[in-house]
Each structure stands twice: as structure tokens, then as C-alpha cells.
Amino acid sequence: MAARVASGSFWQKLFPPITREPVLTFLAAHRITMSDTIRTCDRIFNTALDAHLIPRAYNLELVDQLRNSQIEHIFFTTSVDTIAESFKKMDHAH
């Protein structure tokens, strides 16, 4: 009985499902863009760890997009060392 209550409407009322359109609307309204330095990759193990990532192709367009932008802030979801290494590889390949 308790599992049925917890898995039902209570959590759905607190956290409605996240769908693509509201997220895109929020990002556009706040002038937020998201990108990645890696276009395609393989993973050694099924984890989100950067150490388990094998880049196959870099997002080379990102270099020019950043150079030609009016960006005020950049936030990363990985270590600065990892980002710096990715940009070095992208800049050499570009």
C-alpha cells in the first residue's frame, strides 16, 4: 500500500515530467545556450565519467562560435583540465 502511494500522484505533483519544449523555452527566454566539445564518442563503461569517454569527433564549429560570440559567462560540467585538453585538440584539428 505505501509503495503505491509514494509512486503515484504525490511525486508527479511535486515533479512534473520534464519535456523538451518547456526546457527550450526557458533556455531561449534566459539567453542560455548549451553545447559540448565532443560531437561523438564511445564509452569504455556505461557511466557518465569523463575517464570512461573516448572522443571520436570534436565539435569543431564550437571554436568559431565562441570566438565570434558575445558570451558573458561560460559554465562547464567537467573539469577545467578536461575542457582545456578538448579545446587544444579542437583548435589543432580546425
C-alpha atoms as a PDB file:
ATOM      1  CA  MET A   1       0.000   0.000   0.000  1.00  0.00           C
ATOM      2  CA  ALA A   2       2.727   2.502   0.910  1.00  0.00           C
ATOM      3  CA  ALA A   3       4.631   1.885  -2.343  1.00  0.00           C
ATOM      4  CA  ARG A   4       1.520   2.607  -4.385  1.00  0.00           C
ATOM      5  CA  VAL A   5       1.019   5.974  -2.614  1.00  0.00           C
ATOM      6  CA  ALA A   6       4.651   7.037  -2.998  1.00  0.00           C
ATOM      7  CA  SER A   7       4.875   6.064  -6.665  1.00  0.00           C
ATOM      8  CA  GLY A   8       1.595   7.725  -7.648  1.00  0.00           C
ATOM      9  CA  SER A   9       0.314  11.250  -7.774  1.00  0.00           C
ATOM     10  CA  PHE A  10       2.311  12.671  -4.853  1.00  0.00           C
ATOM     11  CA  TRP A  11       5.662  12.704  -6.709  1.00  0.00           C
ATOM     12  CA  GLN A  12       4.060  13.652 -10.004  1.00  0.00           C
ATOM     13  CA  LYS A  13       2.565  16.749  -8.383  1.00  0.00           C
ATOM     14  CA  LEU A  14       5.938  17.762  -6.932  1.00  0.00           C
ATOM     15  CA  PHE A  15       7.993  16.998 -10.025  1.00  0.00           C
ATOM     16  CA  PRO A  16       6.041  17.076 -13.272  1.00  0.00           C
ATOM     17  CA  PRO A  17       7.652  15.279 -16.205  1.00  0.00           C
ATOM     18  CA  ILE A  18      10.327  17.319 -17.945  1.00  0.00           C
ATOM     19  CA  THR A  19       9.712  17.636 -21.652  1.00  0.00           C
ATOM     20  CA  ARG A  20      11.798  19.270 -24.351  1.00  0.00           C
ATOM     21  CA  GLU A  21       9.652  22.284 -25.272  1.00  0.00           C
ATOM     22  CA  PRO A  22       9.450  23.934 -21.821  1.00  0.00           C
ATOM     23  CA  VAL A  23      13.198  23.472 -21.407  1.00  0.00           C
ATOM     24  CA  LEU A  24      13.913  25.082 -24.800  1.00  0.00           C
ATOM     25  CA  THR A  25      11.522  27.937 -23.986  1.00  0.00           C
ATOM     26  CA  PHE A  26      13.257  28.541 -20.655  1.00  0.00           C
ATOM     27  CA  LEU A  27      16.720  28.488 -22.235  1.00  0.00           C
ATOM     28  CA  ALA A  28      15.707  30.902 -25.012  1.00  0.00           C
ATOM     29  CA  ALA A  29      13.970  33.273 -22.575  1.00  0.00           C
ATOM     30  CA  HIS A  30      17.134  33.450 -20.462  1.00  0.00           C
ATOM     31  CA  ARG A  31      19.505  33.562 -23.447  1.00  0.00           C
ATOM     32  CA  ILE A  32      21.193  30.316 -22.416  1.00  0.00           C
ATOM     33  CA  THR A  33      22.859  28.021 -24.925  1.00  0.00           C
ATOM     34  CA  MET A  34      24.192  24.552 -24.259  1.00  0.00           C
ATOM     35  CA  SER A  35      26.864  22.755 -26.242  1.00  0.00           C
ATOM     36  CA  ASP A  36      29.525  20.104 -25.932  1.00  0.00           C
ATOM     37  CA  THR A  37      33.126  19.966 -27.061  1.00  0.00           C
ATOM     38  CA  ILE A  38      32.677  16.386 -28.226  1.00  0.00           C
ATOM     39  CA  ARG A  39      30.342  15.606 -31.136  1.00  0.00           C
ATOM     40  CA  THR A  40      30.562  11.802 -30.995  1.00  0.00           C
ATOM     41  CA  CYS A  41      32.177   9.393 -28.570  1.00  0.00           C
ATOM     42  CA  ASP A  42      32.345   5.876 -27.264  1.00  0.00           C
ATOM     43  CA  ARG A  43      32.344   4.840 -23.633  1.00  0.00           C
ATOM     44  CA  ILE A  44      34.578   2.213 -22.078  1.00  0.00           C
ATOM     45  CA  PHE A  45      31.947   1.555 -19.392  1.00  0.00           C
ATOM     46  CA  ASN A  46      28.326   2.615 -19.162  1.00  0.00           C
ATOM     47  CA  THR A  47      28.947   5.567 -16.806  1.00  0.00           C
ATOM     48  CA  ALA A  48      28.915   9.358 -17.030  1.00  0.00           C
ATOM     49  CA  LEU A  49      32.569   9.625 -16.009  1.00  0.00           C
ATOM     50  CA  ASP A  50      34.829  11.563 -18.378  1.00  0.00           C
ATOM     51  CA  ALA A  51      37.549   8.979 -17.710  1.00  0.00           C
ATOM     52  CA  HIS A  52      35.336   6.399 -19.461  1.00  0.00           C
ATOM     53  CA  LEU A  53      34.875   8.571 -22.549  1.00  0.00           C
ATOM     54  CA  ILE A  54      36.696   8.045 -25.855  1.00  0.00           C
ATOM     55  CA  PRO A  55      36.181  11.064 -28.154  1.00  0.00           C
ATOM     56  CA  ARG A  56      35.644  10.137 -31.814  1.00  0.00           C
ATOM     57  CA  ALA A  57      34.873  13.592 -33.237  1.00  0.00           C
ATOM     58  CA  TYR A  58      35.089  17.047 -31.733  1.00  0.00           C
ATOM     59  CA  ASN A  59      32.543  19.826 -32.176  1.00  0.00           C
ATOM     60  CA  LEU A  60      34.854  21.968 -34.325  1.00  0.00           C
ATOM     61  CA  GLU A  61      32.151  24.562 -35.059  1.00  0.00           C
ATOM     62  CA  LEU A  62      32.174  25.432 -31.364  1.00  0.00           C
ATOM     63  CA  VAL A  63      35.599  27.103 -31.653  1.00  0.00           C
ATOM     64  CA  ASP A  64      34.367  29.710 -34.155  1.00  0.00           C
ATOM     65  CA  GLN A  65      31.019  30.073 -32.374  1.00  0.00           C
ATOM     66  CA  LEU A  66      32.845  31.029 -29.189  1.00  0.00           C
ATOM     67  CA  ARG A  67      35.303  33.333 -30.943  1.00  0.00           C
ATOM     68  CA  ASN A  68      32.507  35.185 -32.751  1.00  0.00           C
ATOM     69  CA  SER A  69      30.070  35.413 -29.851  1.00  0.00           C
ATOM     70  CA  GLN A  70      29.153  37.975 -27.248  1.00  0.00           C
ATOM     71  CA  ILE A  71      29.210  35.438 -24.424  1.00  0.00           C
ATOM     72  CA  GLU A  72      29.264  36.876 -20.921  1.00  0.00           C
ATOM     73  CA  HIS A  73      29.588  33.650 -18.895  1.00  0.00           C
ATOM     74  CA  ILE A  74      30.655  30.073 -19.582  1.00  0.00           C
ATOM     75  CA  PHE A  75      29.897  27.199 -17.220  1.00  0.00           C
ATOM     76  CA  PHE A  76      31.355  23.718 -17.524  1.00  0.00           C
ATOM     77  CA  THR A  77      30.091  20.386 -16.267  1.00  0.00           C
ATOM     78  CA  THR A  78      33.512  18.802 -16.291  1.00  0.00           C
ATOM     79  CA  SER A  79      36.984  19.702 -15.035  1.00  0.00           C
ATOM     80  CA  VAL A  80      38.799  22.689 -16.491  1.00  0.00           C
ATOM     81  CA  ASP A  81      41.730  20.421 -17.430  1.00  0.00           C
ATOM     82  CA  THR A  82      39.439  18.186 -19.492  1.00  0.00           C
ATOM     83  CA  ILE A  83      37.904  21.201 -21.241  1.00  0.00           C
ATOM     84  CA  ALA A  84      41.321  22.746 -21.934  1.00  0.00           C
ATOM     85  CA  GLU A  85      42.549  19.490 -23.462  1.00  0.00           C
ATOM     86  CA  SER A  86      39.438  19.243 -25.658  1.00  0.00           C
ATOM     87  CA  PHE A  87      39.865  22.821 -26.911  1.00  0.00           C
ATOM     88  CA  LYS A  88      43.545  22.234 -27.691  1.00  0.00           C
ATOM     89  CA  LYS A  89      42.633  19.188 -29.782  1.00  0.00           C
ATOM     90  CA  MET A  90      39.776  21.039 -31.498  1.00  0.00           C
ATOM     91  CA  ASP A  91      41.935  24.071 -32.293  1.00  0.00           C
ATOM     92  CA  HIS A  92      44.656  21.887 -33.834  1.00  0.00           C
ATOM     93  CA  ALA A  93      42.093  19.971 -35.887  1.00  0.00           C
ATOM     94  CA  HIS A  94      40.357  23.173 -37.007  1.00  0.00           C
END
